[in-house]
Amino acid sequence: MRLQLGGDEFVEAGQLTPTPAELGGAELRARLEADGYLYLPQLLARPLIEECYAAARGVLEEEGLWPGVKFSAGWRSCPQVMAVAEAPRLKDVCTALFDGAEAGSYPFKWLRTSTPSNGTGFHCDSVWMGRGSQRLVSAWIPLQDTPLKLGGVCIAAGSSTLPGFNTFRRTYVAHDVQRSAVRGATGSSAHTWLLSSGLCPSSDFWLDC
């Protein structure tokens, strides 16, 4: 299928392959290495997500930031948001990926909304918050159903392993803004070496942690 990323930019896209959440750590790591991502639909209970969406949207509406704001920190004291960002099932998957080492998360998480033609460009989160390590993953959690007409996340399959991306991995991916003098650099969430982007949505709402 041919999807619009924003403006005049289009991409040929397919569907992500679901990953069974009950797989063991070795199997999860093998899937991540082979595919560059883990797609875990239904990992978190729908009521938990719905409560998070309602509470976070309420915070943004109170601040006069809904719709249209791309990033917000006003939800930091919102327990429903943290219940998703710090969900035990999510932590269990990350701990399994790290071969039993207890996984933790950074204190800051991104809460994002997007209006039409205002999606996020292709990027790797590890560049923004690697802190000298590649033992990192980020979780993209949509807080509402995301059919293609609404938006979603777009992943450049093979960007973590294919030879054609060698220069990309050696330069951009190896960069760490936390350890550089890049002006205007800010922290984001951690990610594997997979190039991802938000599609051009009509009203998208998600949590990146």
N, C-alpha and C. Protein backbone atom coordinates (compact mmCIF):
# COMPACT_ATOMS: atom_id res chain seq x y z
N MET A 1 0.84 -1.19 0.00
CA MET A 1 0.00 0.00 0.00
C MET A 1 0.88 1.25 0.00
N ARG A 2 0.36 2.34 -0.54
CA ARG A 2 1.10 3.59 -0.63
C ARG A 2 0.49 4.58 0.36
N LEU A 3 1.32 5.05 1.30
CA LEU A 3 0.83 5.92 2.35
C LEU A 3 1.52 7.27 2.31
N GLN A 4 0.80 8.30 2.70
CA GLN A 4 1.37 9.65 2.75
C GLN A 4 1.96 9.90 4.13
N LEU A 5 3.23 10.31 4.14
CA LEU A 5 3.89 10.63 5.40
C LEU A 5 3.67 12.08 5.79
N GLY A 6 3.43 12.93 4.84
CA GLY A 6 3.26 14.35 5.10
C GLY A 6 3.68 15.14 3.87
N GLY A 7 2.93 16.17 3.53
CA GLY A 7 3.26 16.94 2.34
C GLY A 7 3.18 16.09 1.10
N ASP A 8 4.26 16.09 0.29
CA ASP A 8 4.30 15.30 -0.93
C ASP A 8 5.09 14.01 -0.77
N GLU A 9 5.38 13.62 0.48
CA GLU A 9 6.20 12.44 0.74
C GLU A 9 5.31 11.21 0.93
N PHE A 10 5.61 10.16 0.14
CA PHE A 10 4.84 8.92 0.20
C PHE A 10 5.79 7.75 0.44
N VAL A 11 5.26 6.65 0.90
CA VAL A 11 6.07 5.46 1.15
C VAL A 11 5.22 4.23 0.86
N GLU A 12 5.88 3.18 0.33
CA GLU A 12 5.23 1.89 0.16
C GLU A 12 5.31 1.16 1.49
N ALA A 13 4.18 0.70 2.00
CA ALA A 13 4.14 0.13 3.35
C ALA A 13 3.39 -1.18 3.38
N GLY A 14 3.73 -2.01 4.36
CA GLY A 14 3.02 -3.26 4.62
C GLY A 14 2.60 -3.29 6.08
N GLN A 15 2.13 -4.44 6.52
CA GLN A 15 1.67 -4.60 7.89
C GLN A 15 2.78 -5.17 8.77
N LEU A 16 2.82 -4.75 10.04
CA LEU A 16 3.76 -5.32 10.98
C LEU A 16 3.34 -6.75 11.34
N THR A 17 4.32 -7.57 11.67
CA THR A 17 4.06 -8.95 12.07
C THR A 17 3.90 -9.03 13.58
N PRO A 18 2.75 -9.50 14.08
CA PRO A 18 2.56 -9.57 15.54
C PRO A 18 3.56 -10.52 16.21
N THR A 19 3.94 -10.18 17.42
CA THR A 19 4.83 -11.01 18.23
C THR A 19 4.06 -11.51 19.45
N PRO A 20 4.00 -12.83 19.68
CA PRO A 20 3.33 -13.33 20.89
C PRO A 20 4.04 -12.85 22.15
N ALA A 21 3.32 -12.21 23.04
CA ALA A 21 3.93 -11.65 24.24
C ALA A 21 4.45 -12.72 25.19
N GLU A 22 3.93 -13.96 25.03
CA GLU A 22 4.33 -15.02 25.96
C GLU A 22 5.65 -15.67 25.58
N LEU A 23 6.28 -15.25 24.49
CA LEU A 23 7.58 -15.80 24.12
C LEU A 23 8.62 -15.54 25.20
N GLY A 24 9.59 -16.43 25.32
CA GLY A 24 10.66 -16.25 26.27
C GLY A 24 11.66 -15.20 25.80
N GLY A 25 12.58 -14.85 26.69
CA GLY A 25 13.54 -13.79 26.38
C GLY A 25 14.37 -14.06 25.14
N ALA A 26 14.85 -15.30 24.99
CA ALA A 26 15.69 -15.64 23.83
C ALA A 26 14.90 -15.50 22.53
N GLU A 27 13.65 -15.94 22.56
CA GLU A 27 12.82 -15.84 21.36
C GLU A 27 12.48 -14.39 21.03
N LEU A 28 12.21 -13.59 22.07
CA LEU A 28 11.92 -12.17 21.85
C LEU A 28 13.13 -11.46 21.26
N ARG A 29 14.32 -11.78 21.79
CA ARG A 29 15.53 -11.14 21.28
C ARG A 29 15.79 -11.56 19.84
N ALA A 30 15.51 -12.82 19.51
CA ALA A 30 15.70 -13.30 18.14
C ALA A 30 14.74 -12.58 17.19
N ARG A 31 13.49 -12.38 17.61
CA ARG A 31 12.53 -11.67 16.78
C ARG A 31 12.94 -10.22 16.59
N LEU A 32 13.41 -9.59 17.67
CA LEU A 32 13.84 -8.21 17.59
C LEU A 32 15.04 -8.07 16.66
N GLU A 33 15.96 -9.01 16.74
CA GLU A 33 17.15 -8.97 15.88
C GLU A 33 16.78 -9.19 14.42
N ALA A 34 15.84 -10.09 14.19
CA ALA A 34 15.47 -10.42 12.81
C ALA A 34 14.60 -9.34 12.17
N ASP A 35 13.62 -8.84 12.92
CA ASP A 35 12.64 -7.91 12.35
C ASP A 35 12.96 -6.45 12.65
N GLY A 36 13.72 -6.20 13.72
CA GLY A 36 14.02 -4.83 14.12
C GLY A 36 12.96 -4.21 15.01
N TYR A 37 11.90 -4.96 15.31
CA TYR A 37 10.84 -4.44 16.17
C TYR A 37 10.09 -5.62 16.79
N LEU A 38 9.32 -5.34 17.82
CA LEU A 38 8.36 -6.29 18.38
C LEU A 38 7.00 -5.62 18.35
N TYR A 39 6.06 -6.24 17.71
CA TYR A 39 4.69 -5.72 17.64
C TYR A 39 3.84 -6.56 18.59
N LEU A 40 3.39 -5.92 19.67
CA LEU A 40 2.72 -6.64 20.76
C LEU A 40 1.29 -6.13 20.97
N PRO A 41 0.40 -6.37 20.00
CA PRO A 41 -0.98 -5.93 20.19
C PRO A 41 -1.62 -6.66 21.36
N GLN A 42 -2.47 -5.95 22.08
CA GLN A 42 -3.19 -6.50 23.23
C GLN A 42 -2.29 -6.78 24.43
N LEU A 43 -1.06 -6.29 24.42
CA LEU A 43 -0.19 -6.50 25.59
C LEU A 43 -0.79 -5.84 26.82
N LEU A 44 -1.30 -4.63 26.66
CA LEU A 44 -1.92 -3.91 27.76
C LEU A 44 -3.44 -3.95 27.62
N ALA A 45 -4.12 -4.07 28.73
CA ALA A 45 -5.58 -4.20 28.71
C ALA A 45 -6.23 -2.93 28.17
N ARG A 46 -7.26 -3.10 27.34
CA ARG A 46 -7.96 -1.95 26.75
C ARG A 46 -8.49 -0.98 27.80
N PRO A 47 -9.12 -1.44 28.90
CA PRO A 47 -9.61 -0.47 29.90
C PRO A 47 -8.49 0.42 30.45
N LEU A 48 -7.30 -0.13 30.61
CA LEU A 48 -6.16 0.65 31.09
C LEU A 48 -5.82 1.76 30.10
N ILE A 49 -5.82 1.42 28.81
CA ILE A 49 -5.52 2.39 27.75
C ILE A 49 -6.62 3.45 27.68
N GLU A 50 -7.87 3.03 27.76
CA GLU A 50 -8.99 3.97 27.66
C GLU A 50 -8.99 4.96 28.82
N GLU A 51 -8.67 4.48 30.02
CA GLU A 51 -8.59 5.38 31.18
C GLU A 51 -7.45 6.38 31.01
N CYS A 52 -6.34 5.92 30.45
CA CYS A 52 -5.19 6.79 30.20
C CYS A 52 -5.56 7.87 29.19
N TYR A 53 -6.22 7.46 28.11
CA TYR A 53 -6.62 8.42 27.07
C TYR A 53 -7.54 9.49 27.64
N ALA A 54 -8.56 9.07 28.37
CA ALA A 54 -9.53 10.03 28.91
C ALA A 54 -8.87 11.00 29.88
N ALA A 55 -8.01 10.49 30.75
CA ALA A 55 -7.36 11.35 31.73
C ALA A 55 -6.38 12.31 31.09
N ALA A 56 -5.57 11.81 30.15
CA ALA A 56 -4.58 12.67 29.49
C ALA A 56 -5.25 13.73 28.63
N ARG A 57 -6.29 13.34 27.92
CA ARG A 57 -7.01 14.33 27.11
C ARG A 57 -7.64 15.40 28.00
N GLY A 58 -8.14 14.98 29.16
CA GLY A 58 -8.71 15.94 30.09
C GLY A 58 -7.69 16.97 30.56
N VAL A 59 -6.46 16.51 30.82
CA VAL A 59 -5.39 17.42 31.24
C VAL A 59 -5.10 18.43 30.13
N LEU A 60 -4.99 17.95 28.89
CA LEU A 60 -4.69 18.83 27.77
C LEU A 60 -5.82 19.82 27.51
N GLU A 61 -7.05 19.37 27.66
CA GLU A 61 -8.19 20.27 27.46
C GLU A 61 -8.20 21.37 28.52
N GLU A 62 -7.88 21.01 29.76
CA GLU A 62 -7.83 21.99 30.83
C GLU A 62 -6.75 23.04 30.57
N GLU A 63 -5.67 22.63 29.92
CA GLU A 63 -4.58 23.55 29.63
C GLU A 63 -4.81 24.31 28.32
N GLY A 64 -5.90 24.02 27.64
CA GLY A 64 -6.17 24.66 26.36
C GLY A 64 -5.26 24.18 25.25
N LEU A 65 -4.75 22.97 25.37
CA LEU A 65 -3.78 22.44 24.41
C LEU A 65 -4.37 21.37 23.50
N TRP A 66 -5.66 21.13 23.61
CA TRP A 66 -6.28 20.09 22.78
C TRP A 66 -7.27 20.72 21.82
N PRO A 67 -7.27 20.36 20.53
CA PRO A 67 -6.23 19.55 19.88
C PRO A 67 -5.11 20.44 19.38
N GLY A 68 -4.04 19.85 18.93
CA GLY A 68 -3.01 20.60 18.24
C GLY A 68 -1.64 20.56 18.86
N VAL A 69 -1.52 20.38 20.18
CA VAL A 69 -0.20 20.35 20.79
C VAL A 69 0.51 19.05 20.40
N LYS A 70 1.80 19.13 20.15
CA LYS A 70 2.54 17.93 19.77
C LYS A 70 3.17 17.24 20.97
N PHE A 71 3.66 18.03 21.91
CA PHE A 71 4.25 17.46 23.12
C PHE A 71 3.67 18.17 24.33
N SER A 72 3.54 17.45 25.42
CA SER A 72 3.03 18.05 26.64
C SER A 72 3.68 17.40 27.85
N ALA A 73 3.90 18.19 28.89
CA ALA A 73 4.41 17.67 30.15
C ALA A 73 3.38 17.84 31.26
N GLY A 74 2.18 18.36 30.90
CA GLY A 74 1.17 18.63 31.91
C GLY A 74 0.57 17.40 32.55
N TRP A 75 0.83 16.23 31.96
CA TRP A 75 0.25 14.99 32.46
C TRP A 75 1.12 14.30 33.50
N ARG A 76 2.26 14.88 33.86
CA ARG A 76 3.25 14.17 34.69
C ARG A 76 2.68 13.70 36.02
N SER A 77 1.69 14.42 36.54
CA SER A 77 1.09 14.02 37.81
C SER A 77 -0.18 13.20 37.60
N CYS A 78 -0.38 12.71 36.38
CA CYS A 78 -1.59 11.95 36.03
C CYS A 78 -1.34 10.46 36.27
N PRO A 79 -1.95 9.86 37.28
CA PRO A 79 -1.67 8.45 37.59
C PRO A 79 -2.10 7.49 36.49
N GLN A 80 -3.15 7.84 35.73
CA GLN A 80 -3.61 6.94 34.67
C GLN A 80 -2.57 6.85 33.55
N VAL A 81 -1.87 7.94 33.28
CA VAL A 81 -0.82 7.92 32.26
C VAL A 81 0.36 7.07 32.74
N MET A 82 0.76 7.28 33.97
CA MET A 82 1.89 6.51 34.50
C MET A 82 1.56 5.03 34.63
N ALA A 83 0.28 4.70 34.84
CA ALA A 83 -0.11 3.30 34.93
C ALA A 83 0.14 2.57 33.61
N VAL A 84 0.07 3.30 32.49
CA VAL A 84 0.38 2.73 31.19
C VAL A 84 1.89 2.75 30.94
N ALA A 85 2.51 3.90 31.18
CA ALA A 85 3.94 4.04 30.90
C ALA A 85 4.79 3.11 31.76
N GLU A 86 4.32 2.81 32.96
CA GLU A 86 5.07 1.95 33.88
C GLU A 86 4.35 0.61 34.08
N ALA A 87 3.57 0.19 33.10
CA ALA A 87 2.78 -1.04 33.23
C ALA A 87 3.69 -2.25 33.50
N PRO A 88 3.34 -3.09 34.50
CA PRO A 88 4.17 -4.27 34.81
C PRO A 88 4.37 -5.19 33.61
N ARG A 89 3.36 -5.38 32.76
CA ARG A 89 3.52 -6.28 31.61
C ARG A 89 4.54 -5.73 30.62
N LEU A 90 4.57 -4.43 30.47
CA LEU A 90 5.55 -3.80 29.59
C LEU A 90 6.95 -3.97 30.18
N LYS A 91 7.07 -3.78 31.46
CA LYS A 91 8.37 -3.95 32.12
C LYS A 91 8.84 -5.40 32.04
N ASP A 92 7.90 -6.34 32.15
CA ASP A 92 8.27 -7.76 32.07
C ASP A 92 8.86 -8.11 30.70
N VAL A 93 8.28 -7.55 29.64
CA VAL A 93 8.80 -7.82 28.29
C VAL A 93 10.22 -7.26 28.16
N CYS A 94 10.43 -6.04 28.67
CA CYS A 94 11.76 -5.43 28.58
C CYS A 94 12.78 -6.20 29.41
N THR A 95 12.37 -6.66 30.59
CA THR A 95 13.27 -7.45 31.43
C THR A 95 13.66 -8.75 30.72
N ALA A 96 12.69 -9.39 30.06
CA ALA A 96 12.99 -10.61 29.30
C ALA A 96 13.95 -10.32 28.16
N LEU A 97 13.77 -9.17 27.49
CA LEU A 97 14.67 -8.80 26.40
C LEU A 97 16.10 -8.62 26.88
N PHE A 98 16.24 -8.11 28.11
CA PHE A 98 17.56 -7.85 28.67
C PHE A 98 18.07 -9.04 29.48
N ASP A 99 17.56 -10.24 29.13
CA ASP A 99 18.06 -11.49 29.70
C ASP A 99 17.93 -11.52 31.22
N GLY A 100 16.81 -11.01 31.74
CA GLY A 100 16.54 -11.10 33.16
C GLY A 100 17.00 -9.91 33.97
N ALA A 101 17.82 -9.04 33.38
CA ALA A 101 18.24 -7.84 34.11
C ALA A 101 17.03 -6.91 34.26
N GLU A 102 16.79 -6.44 35.48
CA GLU A 102 15.58 -5.63 35.71
C GLU A 102 15.60 -4.37 34.86
N ALA A 103 14.54 -4.17 34.12
CA ALA A 103 14.43 -3.02 33.24
C ALA A 103 13.78 -1.86 33.97
N GLY A 104 14.29 -0.68 33.73
CA GLY A 104 13.70 0.53 34.27
C GLY A 104 13.44 1.51 33.14
N SER A 105 12.76 2.60 33.44
CA SER A 105 12.46 3.59 32.41
C SER A 105 12.96 4.95 32.86
N TYR A 106 13.20 5.82 31.90
CA TYR A 106 13.59 7.18 32.22
C TYR A 106 12.42 7.91 32.87
N PRO A 107 12.71 8.87 33.74
CA PRO A 107 11.62 9.61 34.40
C PRO A 107 10.70 10.33 33.43
N PHE A 108 11.26 10.81 32.32
CA PHE A 108 10.45 11.58 31.37
C PHE A 108 9.93 10.69 30.26
N LYS A 109 8.66 10.85 29.95
CA LYS A 109 8.05 10.18 28.81
C LYS A 109 7.41 11.23 27.91
N TRP A 110 7.35 10.93 26.61
CA TRP A 110 6.70 11.83 25.68
C TRP A 110 5.22 11.51 25.59
N LEU A 111 4.38 12.51 25.72
CA LEU A 111 2.97 12.39 25.40
C LEU A 111 2.72 13.29 24.20
N ARG A 112 2.27 12.71 23.09
CA ARG A 112 2.19 13.46 21.84
C ARG A 112 0.78 13.41 21.25
N THR A 113 0.40 14.47 20.62
CA THR A 113 -0.78 14.46 19.75
C THR A 113 -0.35 15.07 18.42
N SER A 114 -1.08 14.74 17.37
CA SER A 114 -0.76 15.30 16.06
C SER A 114 -2.03 15.69 15.34
N THR A 115 -1.96 16.79 14.64
CA THR A 115 -3.05 17.23 13.79
C THR A 115 -2.73 16.87 12.34
N PRO A 116 -3.65 17.03 11.40
CA PRO A 116 -3.40 16.62 10.01
C PRO A 116 -2.11 17.20 9.44
N SER A 117 -1.35 16.33 8.75
CA SER A 117 -0.09 16.70 8.08
C SER A 117 0.97 17.17 9.07
N ASN A 118 0.89 16.71 10.31
CA ASN A 118 1.84 17.16 11.33
C ASN A 118 2.45 15.96 12.06
N GLY A 119 2.72 14.89 11.31
CA GLY A 119 3.32 13.73 11.93
C GLY A 119 4.80 13.95 12.22
N THR A 120 5.41 12.99 12.91
CA THR A 120 6.82 13.05 13.26
C THR A 120 7.66 12.46 12.13
N GLY A 121 8.76 13.12 11.78
CA GLY A 121 9.62 12.63 10.71
C GLY A 121 10.40 11.39 11.13
N PHE A 122 11.02 10.72 10.16
CA PHE A 122 11.82 9.53 10.46
C PHE A 122 12.97 9.87 11.39
N HIS A 123 13.20 9.00 12.37
CA HIS A 123 14.24 9.25 13.37
C HIS A 123 14.54 7.96 14.13
N CYS A 124 15.62 7.97 14.90
CA CYS A 124 15.95 6.90 15.85
C CYS A 124 16.02 7.53 17.24
N ASP A 125 15.25 6.99 18.19
CA ASP A 125 15.23 7.58 19.53
C ASP A 125 16.56 7.43 20.27
N SER A 126 17.34 6.39 19.93
CA SER A 126 18.60 6.17 20.64
C SER A 126 19.55 7.35 20.49
N VAL A 127 19.42 8.08 19.39
CA VAL A 127 20.27 9.26 19.17
C VAL A 127 20.02 10.30 20.25
N TRP A 128 18.79 10.40 20.70
CA TRP A 128 18.39 11.45 21.63
C TRP A 128 18.56 11.06 23.08
N MET A 129 18.56 9.77 23.39
CA MET A 129 18.71 9.40 24.78
C MET A 129 19.44 8.08 24.96
N GLY A 130 20.48 7.86 24.15
CA GLY A 130 21.26 6.65 24.29
C GLY A 130 22.10 6.63 25.56
N ARG A 131 22.62 7.80 25.93
CA ARG A 131 23.48 7.93 27.12
C ARG A 131 24.61 6.90 27.11
N GLY A 132 25.15 6.67 25.92
CA GLY A 132 26.31 5.79 25.80
C GLY A 132 25.98 4.31 25.74
N SER A 133 24.71 3.93 25.69
CA SER A 133 24.33 2.52 25.69
C SER A 133 23.37 2.24 24.55
N GLN A 134 23.44 1.00 24.02
CA GLN A 134 22.47 0.55 23.04
C GLN A 134 21.54 -0.50 23.63
N ARG A 135 21.65 -0.74 24.95
CA ARG A 135 20.73 -1.68 25.60
C ARG A 135 19.45 -0.92 25.97
N LEU A 136 18.76 -0.50 24.93
CA LEU A 136 17.60 0.35 25.08
C LEU A 136 16.53 -0.05 24.08
N VAL A 137 15.30 0.07 24.49
CA VAL A 137 14.17 -0.05 23.57
C VAL A 137 13.17 1.03 23.93
N SER A 138 12.37 1.44 22.97
CA SER A 138 11.28 2.35 23.31
C SER A 138 9.96 1.70 22.94
N ALA A 139 8.93 2.09 23.65
CA ALA A 139 7.60 1.54 23.42
C ALA A 139 6.71 2.64 22.86
N TRP A 140 6.10 2.39 21.72
CA TRP A 140 5.14 3.30 21.11
C TRP A 140 3.76 2.76 21.43
N ILE A 141 2.99 3.49 22.24
CA ILE A 141 1.71 2.99 22.74
C ILE A 141 0.59 3.91 22.26
N PRO A 142 -0.17 3.51 21.26
CA PRO A 142 -1.31 4.34 20.84
C PRO A 142 -2.39 4.30 21.92
N LEU A 143 -2.96 5.45 22.21
CA LEU A 143 -3.97 5.54 23.26
C LEU A 143 -5.38 5.50 22.70
N GLN A 144 -5.51 5.18 21.42
CA GLN A 144 -6.81 4.99 20.80
C GLN A 144 -6.61 4.08 19.60
N ASP A 145 -7.68 3.55 19.06
CA ASP A 145 -7.57 2.74 17.85
C ASP A 145 -6.96 3.59 16.74
N THR A 146 -6.06 2.99 15.96
CA THR A 146 -5.35 3.76 14.94
C THR A 146 -5.47 3.09 13.57
N PRO A 147 -6.63 3.17 12.92
CA PRO A 147 -6.72 2.71 11.54
C PRO A 147 -5.84 3.59 10.65
N LEU A 148 -5.55 3.12 9.46
CA LEU A 148 -4.63 3.86 8.59
C LEU A 148 -5.10 5.28 8.31
N LYS A 149 -6.39 5.50 8.21
CA LYS A 149 -6.88 6.85 7.92
C LYS A 149 -6.65 7.80 9.09
N LEU A 150 -6.43 7.24 10.28
CA LEU A 150 -6.17 8.07 11.45
C LEU A 150 -4.69 8.33 11.63
N GLY A 151 -3.87 7.33 11.35
CA GLY A 151 -2.42 7.50 11.52
C GLY A 151 -1.81 6.25 12.13
N GLY A 152 -0.56 6.32 12.51
CA GLY A 152 0.11 5.18 13.11
C GLY A 152 1.60 5.40 13.12
N VAL A 153 2.34 4.33 13.29
CA VAL A 153 3.80 4.41 13.26
C VAL A 153 4.29 3.68 12.02
N CYS A 154 5.28 4.24 11.35
CA CYS A 154 5.84 3.67 10.13
C CYS A 154 7.30 3.33 10.40
N ILE A 155 7.69 2.10 10.13
CA ILE A 155 9.04 1.61 10.41
C ILE A 155 9.75 1.26 9.11
N ALA A 156 10.99 1.71 8.96
CA ALA A 156 11.80 1.36 7.79
C ALA A 156 12.40 -0.02 8.01
N ALA A 157 11.72 -1.03 7.52
CA ALA A 157 12.15 -2.41 7.73
C ALA A 157 13.57 -2.63 7.22
N GLY A 158 14.39 -3.27 8.04
CA GLY A 158 15.76 -3.58 7.64
C GLY A 158 16.77 -2.50 7.95
N SER A 159 16.32 -1.34 8.44
CA SER A 159 17.27 -0.26 8.69
C SER A 159 18.22 -0.58 9.83
N SER A 160 17.89 -1.59 10.65
CA SER A 160 18.77 -1.96 11.75
C SER A 160 19.84 -2.97 11.35
N THR A 161 19.70 -3.60 10.17
CA THR A 161 20.63 -4.67 9.80
C THR A 161 21.12 -4.64 8.36
N LEU A 162 20.34 -4.17 7.41
CA LEU A 162 20.70 -4.28 6.00
C LEU A 162 21.95 -3.47 5.65
N PRO A 163 22.82 -4.00 4.77
CA PRO A 163 24.04 -3.29 4.38
C PRO A 163 23.78 -1.89 3.81
N GLY A 164 22.66 -1.70 3.16
CA GLY A 164 22.35 -0.41 2.57
C GLY A 164 22.22 0.71 3.60
N PHE A 165 22.05 0.33 4.85
CA PHE A 165 21.93 1.32 5.92
C PHE A 165 23.22 1.45 6.75
N ASN A 166 24.33 0.86 6.25
CA ASN A 166 25.58 0.88 7.03
C ASN A 166 26.02 2.30 7.37
N THR A 167 26.01 3.18 6.38
CA THR A 167 26.43 4.56 6.62
C THR A 167 25.50 5.24 7.62
N PHE A 168 24.24 5.01 7.48
CA PHE A 168 23.24 5.54 8.41
C PHE A 168 23.53 5.09 9.84
N ARG A 169 23.83 3.80 10.03
CA ARG A 169 24.09 3.29 11.38
C ARG A 169 25.43 3.80 11.92
N ARG A 170 26.42 3.93 11.02
CA ARG A 170 27.75 4.35 11.45
C ARG A 170 27.79 5.84 11.82
N THR A 171 26.91 6.62 11.25
CA THR A 171 26.94 8.07 11.47
C THR A 171 25.79 8.51 12.38
N TYR A 172 24.60 8.59 11.83
CA TYR A 172 23.46 9.09 12.59
C TYR A 172 23.17 8.26 13.85
N VAL A 173 23.07 6.94 13.70
CA VAL A 173 22.73 6.09 14.84
C VAL A 173 23.79 6.13 15.92
N ALA A 174 25.06 6.28 15.53
CA ALA A 174 26.15 6.30 16.50
C ALA A 174 26.22 7.62 17.27
N HIS A 175 25.49 8.62 16.81
CA HIS A 175 25.53 9.93 17.47
C HIS A 175 24.73 9.91 18.76
N ASP A 176 25.18 10.66 19.76
CA ASP A 176 24.51 10.75 21.06
C ASP A 176 24.47 12.22 21.45
N VAL A 177 23.29 12.83 21.32
CA VAL A 177 23.21 14.27 21.60
C VAL A 177 23.45 14.59 23.06
N GLN A 178 23.26 13.61 23.94
CA GLN A 178 23.51 13.86 25.36
C GLN A 178 25.00 14.04 25.64
N ARG A 179 25.85 13.56 24.73
CA ARG A 179 27.29 13.64 24.92
C ARG A 179 27.95 14.52 23.88
N SER A 180 27.16 15.38 23.27
CA SER A 180 27.70 16.26 22.23
C SER A 180 27.36 17.69 22.56
N ALA A 181 27.83 18.58 21.71
CA ALA A 181 27.59 20.01 21.90
C ALA A 181 26.52 20.51 20.94
N VAL A 182 25.61 19.62 20.54
CA VAL A 182 24.56 20.01 19.60
C VAL A 182 23.62 20.99 20.27
N ARG A 183 23.47 22.16 19.71
CA ARG A 183 22.61 23.17 20.29
C ARG A 183 21.15 22.82 20.05
N GLY A 184 20.33 23.00 21.09
CA GLY A 184 18.92 22.75 20.97
C GLY A 184 18.55 21.29 21.12
N ALA A 185 19.52 20.42 21.44
CA ALA A 185 19.22 19.00 21.59
C ALA A 185 18.47 18.77 22.89
N THR A 186 17.44 17.96 22.82
CA THR A 186 16.65 17.64 24.00
C THR A 186 16.49 16.15 24.12
N GLY A 187 16.18 15.69 25.29
CA GLY A 187 16.02 14.26 25.53
C GLY A 187 14.74 13.72 24.93
N SER A 188 14.79 12.48 24.48
CA SER A 188 13.61 11.77 24.01
C SER A 188 13.63 10.42 24.68
N SER A 189 12.93 9.48 24.12
CA SER A 189 12.94 8.15 24.70
C SER A 189 13.94 7.26 23.98
N ALA A 190 14.27 6.14 24.59
CA ALA A 190 15.25 5.24 24.00
C ALA A 190 14.59 4.39 22.93
N HIS A 191 15.38 3.94 21.99
CA HIS A 191 14.84 3.14 20.89
C HIS A 191 15.92 2.21 20.40
N THR A 192 15.52 1.14 19.73
CA THR A 192 16.49 0.31 19.04
C THR A 192 16.95 1.05 17.77
N TRP A 193 17.80 0.43 16.99
CA TRP A 193 18.34 1.09 15.80
C TRP A 193 17.37 1.02 14.63
N LEU A 194 16.14 1.16 14.86
CA LEU A 194 15.16 1.06 13.79
C LEU A 194 14.62 2.43 13.46
N LEU A 195 14.64 2.75 12.18
CA LEU A 195 14.17 4.05 11.73
C LEU A 195 12.64 4.04 11.74
N SER A 196 12.05 5.01 12.43
CA SER A 196 10.59 5.04 12.54
C SER A 196 10.07 6.44 12.32
N SER A 197 8.79 6.52 12.03
CA SER A 197 8.15 7.81 11.81
C SER A 197 6.68 7.69 12.10
N GLY A 198 6.07 8.81 12.53
CA GLY A 198 4.63 8.85 12.65
C GLY A 198 4.04 9.15 11.28
N LEU A 199 3.00 8.42 10.90
CA LEU A 199 2.31 8.71 9.65
C LEU A 199 1.55 10.02 9.77
N CYS A 200 1.08 10.51 8.66
CA CYS A 200 0.33 11.76 8.63
C CYS A 200 -1.09 11.48 9.15
N PRO A 201 -1.41 11.80 10.40
CA PRO A 201 -2.68 11.42 10.98
C PRO A 201 -3.70 12.54 10.96
N SER A 202 -4.95 12.21 11.24
CA SER A 202 -5.98 13.22 11.35
C SER A 202 -6.14 13.70 12.80
N SER A 203 -5.97 12.80 13.74
CA SER A 203 -6.04 13.18 15.15
C SER A 203 -5.45 12.05 15.96
N ASP A 204 -4.15 12.05 16.09
CA ASP A 204 -3.44 10.94 16.69
C ASP A 204 -3.03 11.27 18.12
N PHE A 205 -3.01 10.29 18.99
CA PHE A 205 -2.71 10.52 20.40
C PHE A 205 -1.94 9.30 20.89
N TRP A 206 -0.68 9.48 21.30
CA TRP A 206 0.09 8.32 21.72
C TRP A 206 1.10 8.68 22.79
N LEU A 207 1.60 7.64 23.43
CA LEU A 207 2.58 7.75 24.51
C LEU A 207 3.84 7.04 24.06
N ASP A 208 4.97 7.69 24.18
CA ASP A 208 6.25 7.14 23.76
C ASP A 208 7.11 7.01 25.01
N CYS A 209 7.45 5.79 25.40
CA CYS A 209 8.19 5.61 26.66
C CYS A 209 9.19 4.48 26.56
